């Protein structure tokens, strides 16, 4: 199952970080936004925070297409409202492509790429 990681920063203010986290607690994410995630082929999604830096990890089906997900979101008023709401909290990480908040880090190590190390 393919995995994807993305990074971005939050506004570095404790109240903004607390509000952003509050929006992501169970029961606070709008149903249509949650439904759009597996509909796009995302099997699991996690967001982790250290300070104001966030990392999103996604496991997807082989058919997952990030461009198709972006296009579907752009055509969905609920997704666009959610993106607009969250954008007040988000900032691109240093090194992110121009105009992009989420940036994909470059993988540099994978245990199973080394001889003798296969998944259990």
PDB file of N, CA and C in Angstrom:
ATOM      1  N   UNK A   1       0.848  -1.168   0.000  1.00  0.00           N
ATOM      2  CA  UNK A   1       0.000   0.000   0.000  1.00  0.00           C
ATOM      3  C   UNK A   1       0.898   1.237   0.000  1.00  0.00           C
ATOM      4  N   UNK A   2       0.733   2.123  -0.980  1.00  0.00           N
ATOM      5  CA  UNK A   2       1.578   3.323  -1.032  1.00  0.00           C
ATOM      6  C   UNK A   2       1.370   4.225   0.192  1.00  0.00           C
ATOM      7  N   UNK A   3       2.463   4.866   0.604  1.00  0.00           N
ATOM      8  CA  UNK A   3       2.428   5.832   1.705  1.00  0.00           C
ATOM      9  C   UNK A   3       2.910   7.171   1.186  1.00  0.00           C
ATOM     10  N   UNK A   4       2.327   8.209   1.702  1.00  0.00           N
ATOM     11  CA  UNK A   4       2.693   9.573   1.320  1.00  0.00           C
ATOM     12  C   UNK A   4       2.904  10.371   2.597  1.00  0.00           C
ATOM     13  N   UNK A   5       3.906  11.237   2.590  1.00  0.00           N
ATOM     14  CA  UNK A   5       4.107  12.143   3.718  1.00  0.00           C
ATOM     15  C   UNK A   5       4.163  13.567   3.190  1.00  0.00           C
ATOM     16  N   UNK A   6       3.581  14.473   3.948  1.00  0.00           N
ATOM     17  CA  UNK A   6       3.572  15.886   3.592  1.00  0.00           C
ATOM     18  C   UNK A   6       3.833  16.700   4.850  1.00  0.00           C
ATOM     19  N   UNK A   7       4.470  17.840   4.677  1.00  0.00           N
ATOM     20  CA  UNK A   7       4.795  18.727   5.790  1.00  0.00           C
ATOM     21  C   UNK A   7       4.181  20.098   5.569  1.00  0.00           C
ATOM     22  N   UNK A   8       3.819  20.761   6.650  1.00  0.00           N
ATOM     23  CA  UNK A   8       3.503  22.174   6.615  1.00  0.00           C
ATOM     24  C   UNK A   8       3.572  22.716   8.029  1.00  0.00           C
ATOM     25  N   UNK A   9       3.534  24.015   8.143  1.00  0.00           N
ATOM     26  CA  UNK A   9       3.629  24.677   9.433  1.00  0.00           C
ATOM     27  C   UNK A   9       2.297  25.326   9.791  1.00  0.00           C
ATOM     28  N   UNK A  10       2.095  25.484  11.075  1.00  0.00           N
ATOM     29  CA  UNK A  10       0.969  26.253  11.587  1.00  0.00           C
ATOM     30  C   UNK A  10       1.454  27.638  11.981  1.00  0.00           C
ATOM     31  N   UNK A  11       0.539  28.582  12.041  1.00  0.00           N
ATOM     32  CA  UNK A  11       0.860  29.878  12.619  1.00  0.00           C
ATOM     33  C   UNK A  11       1.423  29.584  14.005  1.00  0.00           C
ATOM     34  N   UNK A  12       2.554  30.177  14.327  1.00  0.00           N
ATOM     35  CA  UNK A  12       3.241  29.840  15.581  1.00  0.00           C
ATOM     36  C   UNK A  12       2.678  30.645  16.749  1.00  0.00           C
ATOM     37  N   UNK A  13       1.407  30.397  17.053  1.00  0.00           N
ATOM     38  CA  UNK A  13       0.725  31.040  18.166  1.00  0.00           C
ATOM     39  C   UNK A  13      -0.040  29.954  18.916  1.00  0.00           C
ATOM     40  N   UNK A  14       0.156  29.828  20.223  1.00  0.00           N
ATOM     41  CA  UNK A  14      -0.499  28.758  20.975  1.00  0.00           C
ATOM     42  C   UNK A  14      -2.020  28.681  20.782  1.00  0.00           C
ATOM     43  N   UNK A  15      -2.697  29.826  20.741  1.00  0.00           N
ATOM     44  CA  UNK A  15      -4.159  29.799  20.585  1.00  0.00           C
ATOM     45  C   UNK A  15      -4.552  29.258  19.212  1.00  0.00           C
ATOM     46  N   UNK A  16      -3.822  29.632  18.172  1.00  0.00           N
ATOM     47  CA  UNK A  16      -4.121  29.144  16.824  1.00  0.00           C
ATOM     48  C   UNK A  16      -3.861  27.650  16.724  1.00  0.00           C
ATOM     49  N   UNK A  17      -2.769  27.187  17.319  1.00  0.00           N
ATOM     50  CA  UNK A  17      -2.445  25.761  17.309  1.00  0.00           C
ATOM     51  C   UNK A  17      -3.529  24.979  18.044  1.00  0.00           C
ATOM     52  N   UNK A  18      -3.970  25.480  19.191  1.00  0.00           N
ATOM     53  CA  UNK A  18      -5.020  24.802  19.959  1.00  0.00           C
ATOM     54  C   UNK A  18      -6.320  24.747  19.164  1.00  0.00           C
ATOM     55  N   UNK A  19      -6.661  25.822  18.479  1.00  0.00           N
ATOM     56  CA  UNK A  19      -7.886  25.823  17.683  1.00  0.00           C
ATOM     57  C   UNK A  19      -7.783  24.855  16.511  1.00  0.00           C
ATOM     58  N   UNK A  20      -6.624  24.838  15.846  1.00  0.00           N
ATOM     59  CA  UNK A  20      -6.423  23.913  14.736  1.00  0.00           C
ATOM     60  C   UNK A  20      -6.591  22.467  15.223  1.00  0.00           C
ATOM     61  N   UNK A  21      -5.974  22.149  16.345  1.00  0.00           N
ATOM     62  CA  UNK A  21      -6.106  20.794  16.890  1.00  0.00           C
ATOM     63  C   UNK A  21      -7.557  20.492  17.253  1.00  0.00           C
ATOM     64  N   UNK A  22      -8.250  21.461  17.799  1.00  0.00           N
ATOM     65  CA  UNK A  22      -9.642  21.267  18.168  1.00  0.00           C
ATOM     66  C   UNK A  22     -10.493  20.894  16.954  1.00  0.00           C
ATOM     67  N   UNK A  23     -10.250  21.538  15.822  1.00  0.00           N
ATOM     68  CA  UNK A  23     -10.996  21.235  14.605  1.00  0.00           C
ATOM     69  C   UNK A  23     -10.763  19.804  14.128  1.00  0.00           C
ATOM     70  N   UNK A  24      -9.661  19.191  14.529  1.00  0.00           N
ATOM     71  CA  UNK A  24      -9.311  17.847  14.056  1.00  0.00           C
ATOM     72  C   UNK A  24      -9.693  16.736  15.044  1.00  0.00           C
ATOM     73  N   UNK A  25     -10.272  17.080  16.170  1.00  0.00           N
ATOM     74  CA  UNK A  25     -10.689  16.061  17.142  1.00  0.00           C
ATOM     75  C   UNK A  25     -11.901  15.297  16.624  1.00  0.00           C
ATOM     76  N   UNK A  26     -12.059  14.039  17.062  1.00  0.00           N
ATOM     77  CA  UNK A  26     -13.231  13.254  16.645  1.00  0.00           C
ATOM     78  C   UNK A  26     -14.532  14.014  16.922  1.00  0.00           C
ATOM     79  N   UNK A  27     -15.374  14.048  15.907  1.00  0.00           N
ATOM     80  CA  UNK A  27     -16.649  14.738  16.005  1.00  0.00           C
ATOM     81  C   UNK A  27     -16.621  16.168  15.513  1.00  0.00           C
ATOM     82  N   UNK A  28     -15.432  16.737  15.298  1.00  0.00           N
ATOM     83  CA  UNK A  28     -15.335  18.131  14.872  1.00  0.00           C
ATOM     84  C   UNK A  28     -15.062  18.309  13.385  1.00  0.00           C
ATOM     85  N   UNK A  29     -14.614  17.261  12.704  1.00  0.00           N
ATOM     86  CA  UNK A  29     -14.360  17.362  11.259  1.00  0.00           C
ATOM     87  C   UNK A  29     -15.695  17.148  10.549  1.00  0.00           C
ATOM     88  N   UNK A  30     -16.074  18.059   9.657  1.00  0.00           N
ATOM     89  CA  UNK A  30     -17.352  17.895   8.958  1.00  0.00           C
ATOM     90  C   UNK A  30     -17.436  16.567   8.205  1.00  0.00           C
ATOM     91  N   UNK A  31     -18.606  15.936   8.286  1.00  0.00           N
ATOM     92  CA  UNK A  31     -18.830  14.640   7.644  1.00  0.00           C
ATOM     93  C   UNK A  31     -18.456  14.588   6.174  1.00  0.00           C
ATOM     94  N   UNK A  32     -18.862  15.593   5.364  1.00  0.00           N
ATOM     95  CA  UNK A  32     -18.495  15.538   3.945  1.00  0.00           C
ATOM     96  C   UNK A  32     -16.986  15.574   3.709  1.00  0.00           C
ATOM     97  N   UNK A  33     -16.270  16.280   4.576  1.00  0.00           N
ATOM     98  CA  UNK A  33     -14.805  16.323   4.443  1.00  0.00           C
ATOM     99  C   UNK A  33     -14.226  14.947   4.770  1.00  0.00           C
ATOM    100  N   UNK A  34     -14.704  14.331   5.851  1.00  0.00           N
ATOM    101  CA  UNK A  34     -14.237  12.982   6.195  1.00  0.00           C
ATOM    102  C   UNK A  34     -14.560  11.993   5.085  1.00  0.00           C
ATOM    103  N   UNK A  35     -15.756  12.058   4.523  1.00  0.00           N
ATOM    104  CA  UNK A  35     -16.168  11.121   3.479  1.00  0.00           C
ATOM    105  C   UNK A  35     -15.324  11.249   2.224  1.00  0.00           C
ATOM    106  N   UNK A  36     -14.829  12.451   1.941  1.00  0.00           N
ATOM    107  CA  UNK A  36     -14.041  12.658   0.719  1.00  0.00           C
ATOM    108  C   UNK A  36     -12.675  11.984   0.784  1.00  0.00           C
ATOM    109  N   UNK A  37     -12.206  11.680   1.976  1.00  0.00           N
ATOM    110  CA  UNK A  37     -10.870  11.104   2.128  1.00  0.00           C
ATOM    111  C   UNK A  37     -10.835   9.662   1.618  1.00  0.00           C
ATOM    112  N   UNK A  38     -11.638   8.745   2.144  1.00  0.00           N
ATOM    113  CA  UNK A  38     -11.606   7.386   1.593  1.00  0.00           C
ATOM    114  C   UNK A  38     -12.149   7.320   0.168  1.00  0.00           C
ATOM    115  N   UNK A  39     -13.061   8.230  -0.187  1.00  0.00           N
ATOM    116  CA  UNK A  39     -13.586   8.243  -1.557  1.00  0.00           C
ATOM    117  C   UNK A  39     -12.474   8.491  -2.574  1.00  0.00           C
ATOM    118  N   UNK A  40     -11.421   9.173  -2.153  1.00  0.00           N
ATOM    119  CA  UNK A  40     -10.292   9.465  -3.048  1.00  0.00           C
ATOM    120  C   UNK A  40      -9.265   8.341  -3.087  1.00  0.00           C
ATOM    121  N   UNK A  41      -9.432   7.328  -2.232  1.00  0.00           N
ATOM    122  CA  UNK A  41      -8.466   6.236  -2.199  1.00  0.00           C
ATOM    123  C   UNK A  41      -7.473   6.342  -1.053  1.00  0.00           C
ATOM    124  N   UNK A  42      -7.765   7.199  -0.083  1.00  0.00           N
ATOM    125  CA  UNK A  42      -6.910   7.311   1.100  1.00  0.00           C
ATOM    126  C   UNK A  42      -7.473   6.355   2.150  1.00  0.00           C
ATOM    127  N   UNK A  43      -6.674   5.361   2.513  1.00  0.00           N
ATOM    128  CA  UNK A  43      -7.104   4.311   3.437  1.00  0.00           C
ATOM    129  C   UNK A  43      -6.914   4.748   4.888  1.00  0.00           C
ATOM    130  N   UNK A  44      -5.828   5.438   5.166  1.00  0.00           N
ATOM    131  CA  UNK A  44      -5.535   5.938   6.517  1.00  0.00           C
ATOM    132  C   UNK A  44      -4.832   7.274   6.387  1.00  0.00           C
ATOM    133  N   UNK A  45      -5.143   8.179   7.297  1.00  0.00           N
ATOM    134  CA  UNK A  45      -4.503   9.498   7.317  1.00  0.00           C
ATOM    135  C   UNK A  45      -4.226   9.842   8.772  1.00  0.00           C
ATOM    136  N   UNK A  46      -3.014  10.310   9.037  1.00  0.00           N
ATOM    137  CA  UNK A  46      -2.633  10.778  10.369  1.00  0.00           C
ATOM    138  C   UNK A  46      -1.937  12.114  10.218  1.00  0.00           C
ATOM    139  N   UNK A  47      -2.150  12.989  11.189  1.00  0.00           N
ATOM    140  CA  UNK A  47      -1.411  14.252  11.245  1.00  0.00           C
ATOM    141  C   UNK A  47      -0.705  14.291  12.597  1.00  0.00           C
ATOM    142  N   UNK A  48       0.600  14.531  12.567  1.00  0.00           N
ATOM    143  CA  UNK A  48       1.418  14.618  13.780  1.00  0.00           C
ATOM    144  C   UNK A  48       1.969  16.031  13.880  1.00  0.00           C
ATOM    145  N   UNK A  49       2.150  16.514  15.120  1.00  0.00           N
ATOM    146  CA  UNK A  49       2.657  17.869  15.337  1.00  0.00           C
ATOM    147  C   UNK A  49       3.848  17.861  16.264  1.00  0.00           C
ATOM    148  N   UNK A  50       4.833  18.682  15.945  1.00  0.00           N
ATOM    149  CA  UNK A  50       5.948  19.007  16.832  1.00  0.00           C
ATOM    150  C   UNK A  50       6.095  20.518  16.773  1.00  0.00           C
ATOM    151  N   UNK A  51       5.812  21.198  17.870  1.00  0.00           N
ATOM    152  CA  UNK A  51       5.801  22.658  17.848  1.00  0.00           C
ATOM    153  C   UNK A  51       4.725  23.118  16.883  1.00  0.00           C
ATOM    154  N   UNK A  52       5.125  23.921  15.901  1.00  0.00           N
ATOM    155  CA  UNK A  52       4.146  24.357  14.901  1.00  0.00           C
ATOM    156  C   UNK A  52       4.324  23.620  13.569  1.00  0.00           C
ATOM    157  N   UNK A  53       5.182  22.602  13.536  1.00  0.00           N
ATOM    158  CA  UNK A  53       5.403  21.807  12.314  1.00  0.00           C
ATOM    159  C   UNK A  53       4.479  20.602  12.325  1.00  0.00           C
ATOM    160  N   UNK A  54       3.791  20.385  11.208  1.00  0.00           N
ATOM    161  CA  UNK A  54       2.903  19.242  11.053  1.00  0.00           C
ATOM    162  C   UNK A  54       3.429  18.301   9.984  1.00  0.00           C
ATOM    163  N   UNK A  55       3.180  17.021  10.187  1.00  0.00           N
ATOM    164  CA  UNK A  55       3.484  16.001   9.198  1.00  0.00           C
ATOM    165  C   UNK A  55       2.216  15.180   8.997  1.00  0.00           C
ATOM    166  N   UNK A  56       1.783  15.067   7.747  1.00  0.00           N
ATOM    167  CA  UNK A  56       0.634  14.229   7.433  1.00  0.00           C
ATOM    168  C   UNK A  56       1.137  12.969   6.755  1.00  0.00           C
ATOM    169  N   UNK A  57       0.675  11.819   7.259  1.00  0.00           N
ATOM    170  CA  UNK A  57       1.008  10.526   6.680  1.00  0.00           C
ATOM    171  C   UNK A  57      -0.272   9.919   6.127  1.00  0.00           C
ATOM    172  N   UNK A  58      -0.213   9.433   4.900  1.00  0.00           N
ATOM    173  CA  UNK A  58      -1.373   8.802   4.271  1.00  0.00           C
ATOM    174  C   UNK A  58      -0.963   7.455   3.705  1.00  0.00           C
ATOM    175  N   UNK A  59      -1.812   6.475   3.911  1.00  0.00           N
ATOM    176  CA  UNK A  59      -1.709   5.204   3.210  1.00  0.00           C
ATOM    177  C   UNK A  59      -2.838   5.210   2.200  1.00  0.00           C
ATOM    178  N   UNK A  60      -2.521   4.846   0.959  1.00  0.00           N
ATOM    179  CA  UNK A  60      -3.499   4.949  -0.113  1.00  0.00           C
ATOM    180  C   UNK A  60      -3.604   3.657  -0.907  1.00  0.00           C
ATOM    181  N   UNK A  61      -4.667   3.575  -1.676  1.00  0.00           N
ATOM    182  CA  UNK A  61      -4.774   2.487  -2.636  1.00  0.00           C
ATOM    183  C   UNK A  61      -3.803   2.777  -3.773  1.00  0.00           C
ATOM    184  N   UNK A  62      -3.531   1.762  -4.569  1.00  0.00           N
ATOM    185  CA  UNK A  62      -2.657   1.970  -5.730  1.00  0.00           C
ATOM    186  C   UNK A  62      -3.273   2.947  -6.726  1.00  0.00           C
ATOM    187  N   UNK A  63      -4.598   3.069  -6.723  1.00  0.00           N
ATOM    188  CA  UNK A  63      -5.296   3.942  -7.674  1.00  0.00           C
ATOM    189  C   UNK A  63      -5.339   5.404  -7.219  1.00  0.00           C
ATOM    190  N   UNK A  64      -4.862   5.711  -6.011  1.00  0.00           N
ATOM    191  CA  UNK A  64      -4.920   7.088  -5.519  1.00  0.00           C
ATOM    192  C   UNK A  64      -4.174   8.028  -6.453  1.00  0.00           C
ATOM    193  N   UNK A  65      -4.810   9.148  -6.764  1.00  0.00           N
ATOM    194  CA  UNK A  65      -4.233  10.166  -7.643  1.00  0.00           C
ATOM    195  C   UNK A  65      -4.357  11.519  -6.945  1.00  0.00           C
ATOM    196  N   UNK A  66      -3.248  12.094  -6.463  1.00  0.00           N
ATOM    197  CA  UNK A  66      -3.327  13.375  -5.752  1.00  0.00           C
ATOM    198  C   UNK A  66      -3.963  14.481  -6.594  1.00  0.00           C
ATOM    199  N   UNK A  67      -3.686  14.497  -7.892  1.00  0.00           N
ATOM    200  CA  UNK A  67      -4.276  15.530  -8.750  1.00  0.00           C
ATOM    201  C   UNK A  67      -5.789  15.364  -8.844  1.00  0.00           C
ATOM    202  N   UNK A  68      -6.263  14.124  -8.908  1.00  0.00           N
ATOM    203  CA  UNK A  68      -7.705  13.876  -8.946  1.00  0.00           C
ATOM    204  C   UNK A  68      -8.352  14.281  -7.624  1.00  0.00           C
ATOM    205  N   UNK A  69      -7.685  14.028  -6.505  1.00  0.00           N
ATOM    206  CA  UNK A  69      -8.204  14.433  -5.195  1.00  0.00           C
ATOM    207  C   UNK A  69      -8.291  15.954  -5.129  1.00  0.00           C
ATOM    208  N   UNK A  70      -7.269  16.653  -5.601  1.00  0.00           N
ATOM    209  CA  UNK A  70      -7.279  18.120  -5.603  1.00  0.00           C
ATOM    210  C   UNK A  70      -8.412  18.651  -6.479  1.00  0.00           C
ATOM    211  N   UNK A  71      -8.621  18.032  -7.632  1.00  0.00           N
ATOM    212  CA  UNK A  71      -9.696  18.471  -8.533  1.00  0.00           C
ATOM    213  C   UNK A  71     -11.061  18.217  -7.907  1.00  0.00           C
ATOM    214  N   UNK A  72     -11.231  17.064  -7.270  1.00  0.00           N
ATOM    215  CA  UNK A  72     -12.505  16.755  -6.607  1.00  0.00           C
ATOM    216  C   UNK A  72     -12.762  17.743  -5.477  1.00  0.00           C
ATOM    217  N   UNK A  73     -11.729  18.060  -4.706  1.00  0.00           N
ATOM    218  CA  UNK A  73     -11.886  19.030  -3.624  1.00  0.00           C
ATOM    219  C   UNK A  73     -12.260  20.405  -4.171  1.00  0.00           C
ATOM    220  N   UNK A  74     -11.632  20.813  -5.273  1.00  0.00           N
ATOM    221  CA  UNK A  74     -11.905  22.124  -5.865  1.00  0.00           C
ATOM    222  C   UNK A  74     -13.353  22.237  -6.339  1.00  0.00           C
ATOM    223  N   UNK A  75     -13.962  21.107  -6.680  1.00  0.00           N
ATOM    224  CA  UNK A  75     -15.348  21.104  -7.146  1.00  0.00           C
ATOM    225  C   UNK A  75     -16.354  20.889  -6.013  1.00  0.00           C
ATOM    226  N   UNK A  76     -15.874  20.691  -4.800  1.00  0.00           N
ATOM    227  CA  UNK A  76     -16.739  20.372  -3.658  1.00  0.00           C
ATOM    228  C   UNK A  76     -16.817  21.574  -2.719  1.00  0.00           C
ATOM    229  N   UNK A  77     -17.995  22.197  -2.597  1.00  0.00           N
ATOM    230  CA  UNK A  77     -18.108  23.369  -1.720  1.00  0.00           C
ATOM    231  C   UNK A  77     -17.745  23.082  -0.260  1.00  0.00           C
ATOM    232  N   UNK A  78     -18.074  21.873   0.234  1.00  0.00           N
ATOM    233  CA  UNK A  78     -17.716  21.534   1.614  1.00  0.00           C
ATOM    234  C   UNK A  78     -16.206  21.463   1.796  1.00  0.00           C
ATOM    235  N   UNK A  79     -15.518  20.840   0.837  1.00  0.00           N
ATOM    236  CA  UNK A  79     -14.054  20.743   0.908  1.00  0.00           C
ATOM    237  C   UNK A  79     -13.422  22.129   0.824  1.00  0.00           C
ATOM    238  N   UNK A  80     -13.946  22.967  -0.054  1.00  0.00           N
ATOM    239  CA  UNK A  80     -13.382  24.306  -0.203  1.00  0.00           C
ATOM    240  C   UNK A  80     -13.615  25.153   1.050  1.00  0.00           C
ATOM    241  N   UNK A  81     -14.775  24.988   1.681  1.00  0.00           N
ATOM    242  CA  UNK A  81     -15.040  25.715   2.933  1.00  0.00           C
ATOM    243  C   UNK A  81     -14.074  25.258   4.022  1.00  0.00           C
ATOM    244  N   UNK A  82     -13.829  23.934   4.077  1.00  0.00           N
ATOM    245  CA  UNK A  82     -12.868  23.420   5.057  1.00  0.00           C
ATOM    246  C   UNK A  82     -11.467  23.924   4.798  1.00  0.00           C
ATOM    247  N   UNK A  83     -11.070  23.941   3.529  1.00  0.00           N
ATOM    248  CA  UNK A  83      -9.733  24.442   3.189  1.00  0.00           C
ATOM    249  C   UNK A  83      -9.603  25.921   3.545  1.00  0.00           C
ATOM    250  N   UNK A  84     -10.644  26.703   3.279  1.00  0.00           N
ATOM    251  CA  UNK A  84     -10.609  28.129   3.601  1.00  0.00           C
ATOM    252  C   UNK A  84     -10.488  28.332   5.112  1.00  0.00           C
ATOM    253  N   UNK A  85     -11.237  27.550   5.879  1.00  0.00           N
ATOM    254  CA  UNK A  85     -11.177  27.657   7.333  1.00  0.00           C
ATOM    255  C   UNK A  85      -9.782  27.308   7.842  1.00  0.00           C
ATOM    256  N   UNK A  86      -9.209  26.207   7.363  1.00  0.00           N
ATOM    257  CA  UNK A  86      -7.909  25.750   7.842  1.00  0.00           C
ATOM    258  C   UNK A  86      -6.769  26.651   7.370  1.00  0.00           C
ATOM    259  N   UNK A  87      -6.956  27.333   6.236  1.00  0.00           N
ATOM    260  CA  UNK A  87      -5.865  28.152   5.695  1.00  0.00           C
ATOM    261  C   UNK A  87      -5.458  29.279   6.626  1.00  0.00           C
ATOM    262  N   UNK A  88      -6.348  29.714   7.504  1.00  0.00           N
ATOM    263  CA  UNK A  88      -5.979  30.782   8.439  1.00  0.00           C
ATOM    264  C   UNK A  88      -4.934  30.323   9.453  1.00  0.00           C
ATOM    265  N   UNK A  89      -4.803  29.006   9.623  1.00  0.00           N
ATOM    266  CA  UNK A  89      -3.862  28.446  10.587  1.00  0.00           C
ATOM    267  C   UNK A  89      -2.560  27.972   9.936  1.00  0.00           C
ATOM    268  N   UNK A  90      -2.562  27.774   8.636  1.00  0.00           N
ATOM    269  CA  UNK A  90      -1.474  27.078   7.950  1.00  0.00           C
ATOM    270  C   UNK A  90      -0.490  28.031   7.284  1.00  0.00           C
ATOM    271  N   UNK A  91       0.767  27.609   7.279  1.00  0.00           N
ATOM    272  CA  UNK A  91       1.839  28.323   6.601  1.00  0.00           C
ATOM    273  C   UNK A  91       2.717  27.290   5.899  1.00  0.00           C
ATOM    274  N   UNK A  92       3.258  27.616   4.723  1.00  0.00           N
ATOM    275  CA  UNK A  92       4.152  26.651   4.067  1.00  0.00           C
ATOM    276  C   UNK A  92       5.457  26.486   4.837  1.00  0.00           C
ATOM    277  N   UNK A  93       6.024  25.289   4.743  1.00  0.00           N
ATOM    278  CA  UNK A  93       7.335  25.061   5.344  1.00  0.00           C
ATOM    279  C   UNK A  93       8.396  25.718   4.461  1.00  0.00           C
ATOM    280  N   UNK A  94       9.531  26.079   5.044  1.00  0.00           N
ATOM    281  CA  UNK A  94      10.633  26.565   4.218  1.00  0.00           C
ATOM    282  C   UNK A  94      10.978  25.505   3.165  1.00  0.00           C
ATOM    283  N   UNK A  95      11.168  25.939   1.948  1.00  0.00           N
ATOM    284  CA  UNK A  95      11.499  25.011   0.870  1.00  0.00           C
ATOM    285  C   UNK A  95      10.288  24.470   0.120  1.00  0.00           C
ATOM    286  N   UNK A  96       9.076  24.822   0.562  1.00  0.00           N
ATOM    287  CA  UNK A  96       7.873  24.367  -0.138  1.00  0.00           C
ATOM    288  C   UNK A  96       7.806  25.028  -1.511  1.00  0.00           C
ATOM    289  N   UNK A  97       7.247  24.323  -2.493  1.00  0.00           N
ATOM    290  CA  UNK A  97       7.070  24.948  -3.811  1.00  0.00           C
ATOM    291  C   UNK A  97       6.207  26.201  -3.694  1.00  0.00           C
ATOM    292  N   UNK A  98       6.461  27.182  -4.541  1.00  0.00           N
ATOM    293  CA  UNK A  98       5.703  28.427  -4.516  1.00  0.00           C
ATOM    294  C   UNK A  98       4.208  28.131  -4.643  1.00  0.00           C
ATOM    295  N   UNK A  99       3.429  28.770  -3.770  1.00  0.00           N
ATOM    296  CA  UNK A  99       1.989  28.621  -3.817  1.00  0.00           C
ATOM    297  C   UNK A  99       1.446  27.357  -3.173  1.00  0.00           C
ATOM    298  N   UNK A 100       2.304  26.530  -2.593  1.00  0.00           N
ATOM    299  CA  UNK A 100       1.873  25.279  -1.969  1.00  0.00           C
ATOM    300  C   UNK A 100       2.111  25.353  -0.471  1.00  0.00           C
ATOM    301  N   UNK A 101       1.123  24.896   0.314  1.00  0.00           N
ATOM    302  CA  UNK A 101       1.303  24.828   1.760  1.00  0.00           C
ATOM    303  C   UNK A 101       1.931  23.507   2.154  1.00  0.00           C
ATOM    304  N   UNK A 102       1.429  22.428   1.584  1.00  0.00           N
ATOM    305  CA  UNK A 102       1.942  21.097   1.893  1.00  0.00           C
ATOM    306  C   UNK A 102       3.146  20.821   1.005  1.00  0.00           C
ATOM    307  N   UNK A 103       4.200  20.297   1.561  1.00  0.00           N
ATOM    308  CA  UNK A 103       5.399  19.961   0.798  1.00  0.00           C
ATOM    309  C   UNK A 103       5.785  18.518   1.106  1.00  0.00           C
ATOM    310  N   UNK A 104       6.146  17.778   0.075  1.00  0.00           N
ATOM    311  CA  UNK A 104       6.554  16.380   0.247  1.00  0.00           C
ATOM    312  C   UNK A 104       8.050  16.321   0.532  1.00  0.00           C
ATOM    313  N   UNK A 105       8.442  15.759   1.678  1.00  0.00           N
ATOM    314  CA  UNK A 105       9.869  15.611   1.956  1.00  0.00           C
ATOM    315  C   UNK A 105      10.465  14.512   1.085  1.00  0.00           C
ATOM    316  N   UNK A 106      11.748  14.587   0.873  1.00  0.00           N
ATOM    317  CA  UNK A 106      12.457  13.581   0.077  1.00  0.00           C
ATOM    318  C   UNK A 106      12.845  12.418   0.978  1.00  0.00           C
ATOM    319  N   UNK A 107      12.397  11.205   0.643  1.00  0.00           N
ATOM    320  CA  UNK A 107      12.817  10.049   1.451  1.00  0.00           C
ATOM    321  C   UNK A 107      14.325   9.825   1.308  1.00  0.00           C
ATOM    322  N   UNK A 108      14.991   9.565   2.419  1.00  0.00           N
ATOM    323  CA  UNK A 108      16.439   9.319   2.353  1.00  0.00           C
ATOM    324  C   UNK A 108      16.840   7.974   2.958  1.00  0.00           C
ATOM    325  N   UNK A 109      15.919   7.301   3.644  1.00  0.00           N
ATOM    326  CA  UNK A 109      16.247   6.012   4.255  1.00  0.00           C
ATOM    327  C   UNK A 109      14.987   5.169   4.343  1.00  0.00           C
ATOM    328  N   UNK A 110      15.130   3.900   4.010  1.00  0.00           N
ATOM    329  CA  UNK A 110      14.069   2.921   4.207  1.00  0.00           C
ATOM    330  C   UNK A 110      14.756   1.620   4.580  1.00  0.00           C
ATOM    331  N   UNK A 111      14.445   1.084   5.749  1.00  0.00           N
ATOM    332  CA  UNK A 111      15.093  -0.118   6.258  1.00  0.00           C
ATOM    333  C   UNK A 111      15.033  -1.256   5.251  1.00  0.00           C
ATOM    334  N   UNK A 112      13.878  -1.449   4.632  1.00  0.00           N
ATOM    335  CA  UNK A 112      13.722  -2.592   3.733  1.00  0.00           C
ATOM    336  C   UNK A 112      14.508  -2.446   2.433  1.00  0.00           C
ATOM    337  N   UNK A 113      15.099  -1.304   2.181  1.00  0.00           N
ATOM    338  CA  UNK A 113      15.985  -1.138   1.018  1.00  0.00           C
ATOM    339  C   UNK A 113      17.362  -1.737   1.272  1.00  0.00           C
ATOM    340  N   UNK A 114      17.671  -2.066   2.521  1.00  0.00           N
ATOM    341  CA  UNK A 114      18.990  -2.571   2.875  1.00  0.00           C
ATOM    342  C   UNK A 114      18.992  -4.103   2.867  1.00  0.00           C
ATOM    343  N   UNK A 115      20.052  -4.682   2.360  1.00  0.00           N
ATOM    344  CA  UNK A 115      20.121  -6.144   2.274  1.00  0.00           C
ATOM    345  C   UNK A 115      19.865  -6.815   3.618  1.00  0.00           C
ATOM    346  N   UNK A 116      19.051  -7.858   3.585  1.00  0.00           N
ATOM    347  CA  UNK A 116      18.764  -8.621   4.781  1.00  0.00           C
ATOM    348  C   UNK A 116      17.654  -8.074   5.650  1.00  0.00           C
ATOM    349  N   UNK A 117      17.042  -6.994   5.260  1.00  0.00           N
ATOM    350  CA  UNK A 117      15.974  -6.378   6.071  1.00  0.00           C
ATOM    351  C   UNK A 117      14.686  -6.373   5.283  1.00  0.00           C
ATOM    352  N   UNK A 118      13.853  -7.345   5.574  1.00  0.00           N
ATOM    353  CA  UNK A 118      12.557  -7.449   4.915  1.00  0.00           C
ATOM    354  C   UNK A 118      11.462  -7.271   5.954  1.00  0.00           C
ATOM    355  N   UNK A 119      10.280  -6.874   5.515  1.00  0.00           N
ATOM    356  CA  UNK A 119       9.186  -6.689   6.486  1.00  0.00           C
ATOM    357  C   UNK A 119       8.836  -8.001   7.186  1.00  0.00           C
ATOM    358  N   UNK A 120       8.409  -7.891   8.416  1.00  0.00           N
ATOM    359  CA  UNK A 120       8.034  -9.070   9.219  1.00  0.00           C
ATOM    360  C   UNK A 120       6.723  -9.651   8.729  1.00  0.00           C
TER     361      UNK A 120
END
